[in-house]
């Protein structure tokens, strides 16, 4: 099955998505160190919120990457 223009554009972004996901994973892990040194529960809460936002972004990027890989597999099969 031929790819749509939108799918081709997304496939071109795959490397960027992978790079961005890896950067966000590093940031999220670094926040664990900040969490260990949090001065109070307020600071701890803010760090946990940041980690959750990053986790959501990471999951979205991972879903995009999986979708792109599925399109790539379809394109090579068809």
PDB file of N, CA and C in Angstrom:
ATOM      1  N   UNK A   1       0.842  -1.178   0.000  1.00  0.00           N
ATOM      2  CA  UNK A   1       0.000   0.000   0.000  1.00  0.00           C
ATOM      3  C   UNK A   1       0.890   1.245   0.000  1.00  0.00           C
ATOM      4  N   UNK A   2       0.629   2.174  -0.889  1.00  0.00           N
ATOM      5  CA  UNK A   2       1.461   3.389  -0.927  1.00  0.00           C
ATOM      6  C   UNK A   2       1.204   4.278   0.298  1.00  0.00           C
ATOM      7  N   UNK A   3       2.236   4.973   0.690  1.00  0.00           N
ATOM      8  CA  UNK A   3       2.135   5.866   1.847  1.00  0.00           C
ATOM      9  C   UNK A   3       1.509   7.192   1.441  1.00  0.00           C
ATOM     10  N   UNK A   4       0.788   7.787   2.381  1.00  0.00           N
ATOM     11  CA  UNK A   4       0.242   9.118   2.131  1.00  0.00           C
ATOM     12  C   UNK A   4       1.350  10.144   2.336  1.00  0.00           C
ATOM     13  N   UNK A   5       1.100  11.352   1.902  1.00  0.00           N
ATOM     14  CA  UNK A   5       2.075  12.431   2.086  1.00  0.00           C
ATOM     15  C   UNK A   5       2.335  12.658   3.572  1.00  0.00           C
ATOM     16  N   UNK A   6       1.269  12.610   4.367  1.00  0.00           N
ATOM     17  CA  UNK A   6       1.402  12.801   5.815  1.00  0.00           C
ATOM     18  C   UNK A   6       2.293  11.717   6.430  1.00  0.00           C
ATOM     19  N   UNK A   7       2.104  10.485   5.997  1.00  0.00           N
ATOM     20  CA  UNK A   7       2.920   9.388   6.513  1.00  0.00           C
ATOM     21  C   UNK A   7       4.381   9.571   6.127  1.00  0.00           C
ATOM     22  N   UNK A   8       4.637   9.983   4.892  1.00  0.00           N
ATOM     23  CA  UNK A   8       6.023  10.215   4.455  1.00  0.00           C
ATOM     24  C   UNK A   8       6.687  11.321   5.281  1.00  0.00           C
ATOM     25  N   UNK A   9       5.930  12.379   5.567  1.00  0.00           N
ATOM     26  CA  UNK A   9       6.463  13.477   6.386  1.00  0.00           C
ATOM     27  C   UNK A   9       6.819  12.970   7.780  1.00  0.00           C
ATOM     28  N   UNK A  10       5.933  12.161   8.370  1.00  0.00           N
ATOM     29  CA  UNK A  10       6.196  11.610   9.701  1.00  0.00           C
ATOM     30  C   UNK A  10       7.405  10.678   9.685  1.00  0.00           C
ATOM     31  N   UNK A  11       7.533   9.881   8.655  1.00  0.00           N
ATOM     32  CA  UNK A  11       8.674   8.964   8.546  1.00  0.00           C
ATOM     33  C   UNK A  11       9.981   9.756   8.499  1.00  0.00           C
ATOM     34  N   UNK A  12       9.961  10.897   7.828  1.00  0.00           N
ATOM     35  CA  UNK A  12      11.157  11.746   7.777  1.00  0.00           C
ATOM     36  C   UNK A  12      11.539  12.280   9.156  1.00  0.00           C
ATOM     37  N   UNK A  13      10.574  12.369  10.054  1.00  0.00           N
ATOM     38  CA  UNK A  13      10.819  12.887  11.405  1.00  0.00           C
ATOM     39  C   UNK A  13      11.265  11.806  12.383  1.00  0.00           C
ATOM     40  N   UNK A  14      11.329  10.550  11.950  1.00  0.00           N
ATOM     41  CA  UNK A  14      11.604   9.433  12.856  1.00  0.00           C
ATOM     42  C   UNK A  14      12.899   9.634  13.646  1.00  0.00           C
ATOM     43  N   UNK A  15      13.977  10.001  12.977  1.00  0.00           N
ATOM     44  CA  UNK A  15      15.263  10.174  13.661  1.00  0.00           C
ATOM     45  C   UNK A  15      15.154  11.288  14.702  1.00  0.00           C
ATOM     46  N   UNK A  16      14.458  12.367  14.351  1.00  0.00           N
ATOM     47  CA  UNK A  16      14.266  13.460  15.311  1.00  0.00           C
ATOM     48  C   UNK A  16      13.477  12.980  16.527  1.00  0.00           C
ATOM     49  N   UNK A  17      12.436  12.188  16.292  1.00  0.00           N
ATOM     50  CA  UNK A  17      11.632  11.667  17.397  1.00  0.00           C
ATOM     51  C   UNK A  17      12.479  10.783  18.314  1.00  0.00           C
ATOM     52  N   UNK A  18      13.301   9.935  17.718  1.00  0.00           N
ATOM     53  CA  UNK A  18      14.151   9.044  18.512  1.00  0.00           C
ATOM     54  C   UNK A  18      15.140   9.856  19.342  1.00  0.00           C
ATOM     55  N   UNK A  19      15.762  10.842  18.721  1.00  0.00           N
ATOM     56  CA  UNK A  19      16.728  11.700  19.421  1.00  0.00           C
ATOM     57  C   UNK A  19      16.052  12.450  20.560  1.00  0.00           C
ATOM     58  N   UNK A  20      14.899  13.012  20.277  1.00  0.00           N
ATOM     59  CA  UNK A  20      14.170  13.771  21.300  1.00  0.00           C
ATOM     60  C   UNK A  20      13.767  12.851  22.457  1.00  0.00           C
ATOM     61  N   UNK A  21      13.302  11.653  22.140  1.00  0.00           N
ATOM     62  CA  UNK A  21      12.906  10.705  23.183  1.00  0.00           C
ATOM     63  C   UNK A  21      14.093  10.366  24.079  1.00  0.00           C
ATOM     64  N   UNK A  22      15.250  10.116  23.477  1.00  0.00           N
ATOM     65  CA  UNK A  22      16.441   9.786  24.265  1.00  0.00           C
ATOM     66  C   UNK A  22      16.846  10.950  25.170  1.00  0.00           C
ATOM     67  N   UNK A  23      16.760  12.171  24.656  1.00  0.00           N
ATOM     68  CA  UNK A  23      17.088  13.351  25.469  1.00  0.00           C
ATOM     69  C   UNK A  23      16.143  13.477  26.650  1.00  0.00           C
ATOM     70  N   UNK A  24      14.861  13.257  26.413  1.00  0.00           N
ATOM     71  CA  UNK A  24      13.880  13.362  27.495  1.00  0.00           C
ATOM     72  C   UNK A  24      14.086  12.274  28.538  1.00  0.00           C
ATOM     73  N   UNK A  25      14.473  11.088  28.113  1.00  0.00           N
ATOM     74  CA  UNK A  25      14.756  10.004  29.068  1.00  0.00           C
ATOM     75  C   UNK A  25      15.922  10.398  29.967  1.00  0.00           C
ATOM     76  N   UNK A  26      16.958  10.988  29.383  1.00  0.00           N
ATOM     77  CA  UNK A  26      18.115  11.436  30.169  1.00  0.00           C
ATOM     78  C   UNK A  26      17.688  12.507  31.171  1.00  0.00           C
ATOM     79  N   UNK A  27      16.871  13.461  30.719  1.00  0.00           N
ATOM     80  CA  UNK A  27      16.387  14.521  31.616  1.00  0.00           C
ATOM     81  C   UNK A  27      15.582  13.929  32.760  1.00  0.00           C
ATOM     82  N   UNK A  28      14.709  12.968  32.427  1.00  0.00           N
ATOM     83  CA  UNK A  28      13.853  12.369  33.451  1.00  0.00           C
ATOM     84  C   UNK A  28      14.691  11.629  34.493  1.00  0.00           C
ATOM     85  N   UNK A  29      15.715  10.908  34.034  1.00  0.00           N
ATOM     86  CA  UNK A  29      16.597  10.211  34.968  1.00  0.00           C
ATOM     87  C   UNK A  29      17.372  11.202  35.834  1.00  0.00           C
ATOM     88  N   UNK A  30      17.798  12.313  35.250  1.00  0.00           N
ATOM     89  CA  UNK A  30      18.544  13.323  36.007  1.00  0.00           C
ATOM     90  C   UNK A  30      17.684  13.916  37.127  1.00  0.00           C
ATOM     91  N   UNK A  31      16.389  13.972  36.907  1.00  0.00           N
ATOM     92  CA  UNK A  31      15.508  14.502  37.947  1.00  0.00           C
ATOM     93  C   UNK A  31      15.466  13.598  39.180  1.00  0.00           C
ATOM     94  N   UNK A  32      15.833  12.343  39.026  1.00  0.00           N
ATOM     95  CA  UNK A  32      15.907  11.460  40.200  1.00  0.00           C
ATOM     96  C   UNK A  32      16.951  11.963  41.189  1.00  0.00           C
ATOM     97  N   UNK A  33      18.058  12.460  40.665  1.00  0.00           N
ATOM     98  CA  UNK A  33      19.111  13.022  41.526  1.00  0.00           C
ATOM     99  C   UNK A  33      18.579  14.253  42.241  1.00  0.00           C
ATOM    100  N   UNK A  34      17.878  15.112  41.480  1.00  0.00           N
ATOM    101  CA  UNK A  34      17.272  16.300  42.097  1.00  0.00           C
ATOM    102  C   UNK A  34      16.274  15.892  43.170  1.00  0.00           C
ATOM    103  N   UNK A  35      15.544  14.831  42.913  1.00  0.00           N
ATOM    104  CA  UNK A  35      14.543  14.362  43.866  1.00  0.00           C
ATOM    105  C   UNK A  35      15.198  13.929  45.177  1.00  0.00           C
ATOM    106  N   UNK A  36      16.347  13.281  45.074  1.00  0.00           N
ATOM    107  CA  UNK A  36      17.069  12.851  46.277  1.00  0.00           C
ATOM    108  C   UNK A  36      17.521  14.041  47.124  1.00  0.00           C
ATOM    109  N   UNK A  37      17.778  15.174  46.468  1.00  0.00           N
ATOM    110  CA  UNK A  37      18.274  16.349  47.175  1.00  0.00           C
ATOM    111  C   UNK A  37      17.207  17.407  47.426  1.00  0.00           C
ATOM    112  N   UNK A  38      15.945  17.043  47.206  1.00  0.00           N
ATOM    113  CA  UNK A  38      14.856  17.995  47.435  1.00  0.00           C
ATOM    114  C   UNK A  38      14.853  18.436  48.899  1.00  0.00           C
ATOM    115  N   UNK A  39      14.655  19.727  49.093  1.00  0.00           N
ATOM    116  CA  UNK A  39      14.702  20.304  50.438  1.00  0.00           C
ATOM    117  C   UNK A  39      13.407  20.085  51.225  1.00  0.00           C
ATOM    118  N   UNK A  40      12.296  20.013  50.510  1.00  0.00           N
ATOM    119  CA  UNK A  40      11.016  19.846  51.205  1.00  0.00           C
ATOM    120  C   UNK A  40      10.014  19.164  50.275  1.00  0.00           C
ATOM    121  N   UNK A  41       8.819  18.947  50.786  1.00  0.00           N
ATOM    122  CA  UNK A  41       7.810  18.221  50.014  1.00  0.00           C
ATOM    123  C   UNK A  41       7.308  19.029  48.821  1.00  0.00           C
ATOM    124  N   UNK A  42       7.346  20.353  48.923  1.00  0.00           N
ATOM    125  CA  UNK A  42       6.928  21.200  47.805  1.00  0.00           C
ATOM    126  C   UNK A  42       7.887  21.017  46.638  1.00  0.00           C
ATOM    127  N   UNK A  43       9.168  21.104  46.914  1.00  0.00           N
ATOM    128  CA  UNK A  43      10.172  20.910  45.871  1.00  0.00           C
ATOM    129  C   UNK A  43      10.073  19.490  45.305  1.00  0.00           C
ATOM    130  N   UNK A  44       9.873  18.542  46.175  1.00  0.00           N
ATOM    131  CA  UNK A  44       9.728  17.155  45.744  1.00  0.00           C
ATOM    132  C   UNK A  44       8.517  17.011  44.807  1.00  0.00           C
ATOM    133  N   UNK A  45       7.423  17.655  45.163  1.00  0.00           N
ATOM    134  CA  UNK A  45       6.214  17.614  44.332  1.00  0.00           C
ATOM    135  C   UNK A  45       6.440  18.211  42.954  1.00  0.00           C
ATOM    136  N   UNK A  46       7.162  19.331  42.904  1.00  0.00           N
ATOM    137  CA  UNK A  46       7.455  19.966  41.619  1.00  0.00           C
ATOM    138  C   UNK A  46       8.314  19.069  40.734  1.00  0.00           C
ATOM    139  N   UNK A  47       9.276  18.419  41.328  1.00  0.00           N
ATOM    140  CA  UNK A  47      10.152  17.509  40.581  1.00  0.00           C
ATOM    141  C   UNK A  47       9.346  16.325  40.062  1.00  0.00           C
ATOM    142  N   UNK A  48       8.472  15.783  40.894  1.00  0.00           N
ATOM    143  CA  UNK A  48       7.643  14.658  40.464  1.00  0.00           C
ATOM    144  C   UNK A  48       6.714  15.060  39.317  1.00  0.00           C
ATOM    145  N   UNK A  49       6.182  16.286  39.367  1.00  0.00           N
ATOM    146  CA  UNK A  49       5.337  16.786  38.282  1.00  0.00           C
ATOM    147  C   UNK A  49       6.134  16.878  36.976  1.00  0.00           C
ATOM    148  N   UNK A  50       7.367  17.385  37.066  1.00  0.00           N
ATOM    149  CA  UNK A  50       8.219  17.469  35.883  1.00  0.00           C
ATOM    150  C   UNK A  50       8.473  16.085  35.307  1.00  0.00           C
ATOM    151  N   UNK A  51       8.746  15.119  36.198  1.00  0.00           N
ATOM    152  CA  UNK A  51       8.998  13.748  35.744  1.00  0.00           C
ATOM    153  C   UNK A  51       7.763  13.165  35.049  1.00  0.00           C
ATOM    154  N   UNK A  52       6.585  13.458  35.559  1.00  0.00           N
ATOM    155  CA  UNK A  52       5.356  12.955  34.947  1.00  0.00           C
ATOM    156  C   UNK A  52       5.123  13.580  33.571  1.00  0.00           C
ATOM    157  N   UNK A  53       5.368  14.883  33.450  1.00  0.00           N
ATOM    158  CA  UNK A  53       5.225  15.552  32.146  1.00  0.00           C
ATOM    159  C   UNK A  53       6.192  14.943  31.133  1.00  0.00           C
ATOM    160  N   UNK A  54       7.433  14.707  31.579  1.00  0.00           N
ATOM    161  CA  UNK A  54       8.418  14.089  30.690  1.00  0.00           C
ATOM    162  C   UNK A  54       7.985  12.678  30.303  1.00  0.00           C
ATOM    163  N   UNK A  55       7.450  11.931  31.248  1.00  0.00           N
ATOM    164  CA  UNK A  55       6.997  10.567  30.962  1.00  0.00           C
ATOM    165  C   UNK A  55       5.898  10.583  29.902  1.00  0.00           C
ATOM    166  N   UNK A  56       4.994  11.534  29.994  1.00  0.00           N
ATOM    167  CA  UNK A  56       3.922  11.650  29.009  1.00  0.00           C
ATOM    168  C   UNK A  56       4.486  11.954  27.628  1.00  0.00           C
ATOM    169  N   UNK A  57       5.449  12.881  27.569  1.00  0.00           N
ATOM    170  CA  UNK A  57       6.077  13.222  26.292  1.00  0.00           C
ATOM    171  C   UNK A  57       6.827  12.018  25.709  1.00  0.00           C
ATOM    172  N   UNK A  58       7.501  11.282  26.571  1.00  0.00           N
ATOM    173  CA  UNK A  58       8.248  10.096  26.136  1.00  0.00           C
ATOM    174  C   UNK A  58       7.290   9.052  25.568  1.00  0.00           C
ATOM    175  N   UNK A  59       6.169   8.834  26.239  1.00  0.00           N
ATOM    176  CA  UNK A  59       5.184   7.862  25.763  1.00  0.00           C
ATOM    177  C   UNK A  59       4.609   8.276  24.416  1.00  0.00           C
ATOM    178  N   UNK A  60       4.347   9.559  24.241  1.00  0.00           N
ATOM    179  CA  UNK A  60       3.823  10.055  22.966  1.00  0.00           C
ATOM    180  C   UNK A  60       4.835   9.837  21.848  1.00  0.00           C
ATOM    181  N   UNK A  61       6.085  10.169  22.113  1.00  0.00           N
ATOM    182  CA  UNK A  61       7.125   9.958  21.105  1.00  0.00           C
ATOM    183  C   UNK A  61       7.282   8.482  20.777  1.00  0.00           C
ATOM    184  N   UNK A  62       7.242   7.630  21.784  1.00  0.00           N
ATOM    185  CA  UNK A  62       7.365   6.191  21.563  1.00  0.00           C
ATOM    186  C   UNK A  62       6.214   5.684  20.692  1.00  0.00           C
ATOM    187  N   UNK A  63       5.007   6.181  20.937  1.00  0.00           N
ATOM    188  CA  UNK A  63       3.854   5.785  20.128  1.00  0.00           C
ATOM    189  C   UNK A  63       4.031   6.246  18.680  1.00  0.00           C
ATOM    190  N   UNK A  64       4.524   7.463  18.495  1.00  0.00           N
ATOM    191  CA  UNK A  64       4.781   7.969  17.145  1.00  0.00           C
ATOM    192  C   UNK A  64       5.811   7.101  16.427  1.00  0.00           C
ATOM    193  N   UNK A  65       6.856   6.739  17.132  1.00  0.00           N
ATOM    194  CA  UNK A  65       7.922   5.920  16.545  1.00  0.00           C
ATOM    195  C   UNK A  65       7.365   4.541  16.156  1.00  0.00           C
ATOM    196  N   UNK A  66       6.565   3.942  17.025  1.00  0.00           N
ATOM    197  CA  UNK A  66       5.972   2.636  16.708  1.00  0.00           C
ATOM    198  C   UNK A  66       5.073   2.726  15.474  1.00  0.00           C
ATOM    199  N   UNK A  67       4.299   3.815  15.374  1.00  0.00           N
ATOM    200  CA  UNK A  67       3.421   4.000  14.219  1.00  0.00           C
ATOM    201  C   UNK A  67       4.244   4.145  12.938  1.00  0.00           C
ATOM    202  N   UNK A  68       5.299   4.921  13.001  1.00  0.00           N
ATOM    203  CA  UNK A  68       6.179   5.101  11.843  1.00  0.00           C
ATOM    204  C   UNK A  68       6.780   3.765  11.427  1.00  0.00           C
ATOM    205  N   UNK A  69       7.229   2.981  12.380  1.00  0.00           N
ATOM    206  CA  UNK A  69       7.807   1.674  12.066  1.00  0.00           C
ATOM    207  C   UNK A  69       6.778   0.748  11.426  1.00  0.00           C
ATOM    208  N   UNK A  70       5.527   0.850  11.856  1.00  0.00           N
ATOM    209  CA  UNK A  70       4.463   0.045  11.249  1.00  0.00           C
ATOM    210  C   UNK A  70       4.250   0.473   9.798  1.00  0.00           C
ATOM    211  N   UNK A  71       4.238   1.788   9.551  1.00  0.00           N
ATOM    212  CA  UNK A  71       4.095   2.283   8.182  1.00  0.00           C
ATOM    213  C   UNK A  71       5.268   1.834   7.309  1.00  0.00           C
ATOM    214  N   UNK A  72       6.471   1.877   7.873  1.00  0.00           N
ATOM    215  CA  UNK A  72       7.644   1.447   7.127  1.00  0.00           C
ATOM    216  C   UNK A  72       7.543  -0.033   6.764  1.00  0.00           C
ATOM    217  N   UNK A  73       7.063  -0.835   7.711  1.00  0.00           N
ATOM    218  CA  UNK A  73       6.903  -2.271   7.459  1.00  0.00           C
ATOM    219  C   UNK A  73       5.850  -2.515   6.372  1.00  0.00           C
ATOM    220  N   UNK A  74       4.745  -1.779   6.429  1.00  0.00           N
ATOM    221  CA  UNK A  74       3.711  -1.898   5.406  1.00  0.00           C
ATOM    222  C   UNK A  74       4.251  -1.532   4.030  1.00  0.00           C
ATOM    223  N   UNK A  75       5.022  -0.471   3.982  1.00  0.00           N
ATOM    224  CA  UNK A  75       5.565   0.009   2.708  1.00  0.00           C
ATOM    225  C   UNK A  75       6.518  -1.000   2.087  1.00  0.00           C
ATOM    226  N   UNK A  76       7.305  -1.678   2.922  1.00  0.00           N
ATOM    227  CA  UNK A  76       8.264  -2.648   2.384  1.00  0.00           C
ATOM    228  C   UNK A  76       7.561  -3.947   1.985  1.00  0.00           C
ATOM    229  N   UNK A  77       6.461  -4.263   2.649  1.00  0.00           N
ATOM    230  CA  UNK A  77       5.709  -5.474   2.308  1.00  0.00           C
ATOM    231  C   UNK A  77       4.912  -5.295   1.021  1.00  0.00           C
ATOM    232  N   UNK A  78       4.374  -4.084   0.855  1.00  0.00           N
ATOM    233  CA  UNK A  78       3.492  -3.837  -0.285  1.00  0.00           C
ATOM    234  C   UNK A  78       4.250  -3.479  -1.483  1.00  0.00           C
TER     235      UNK A  78
END
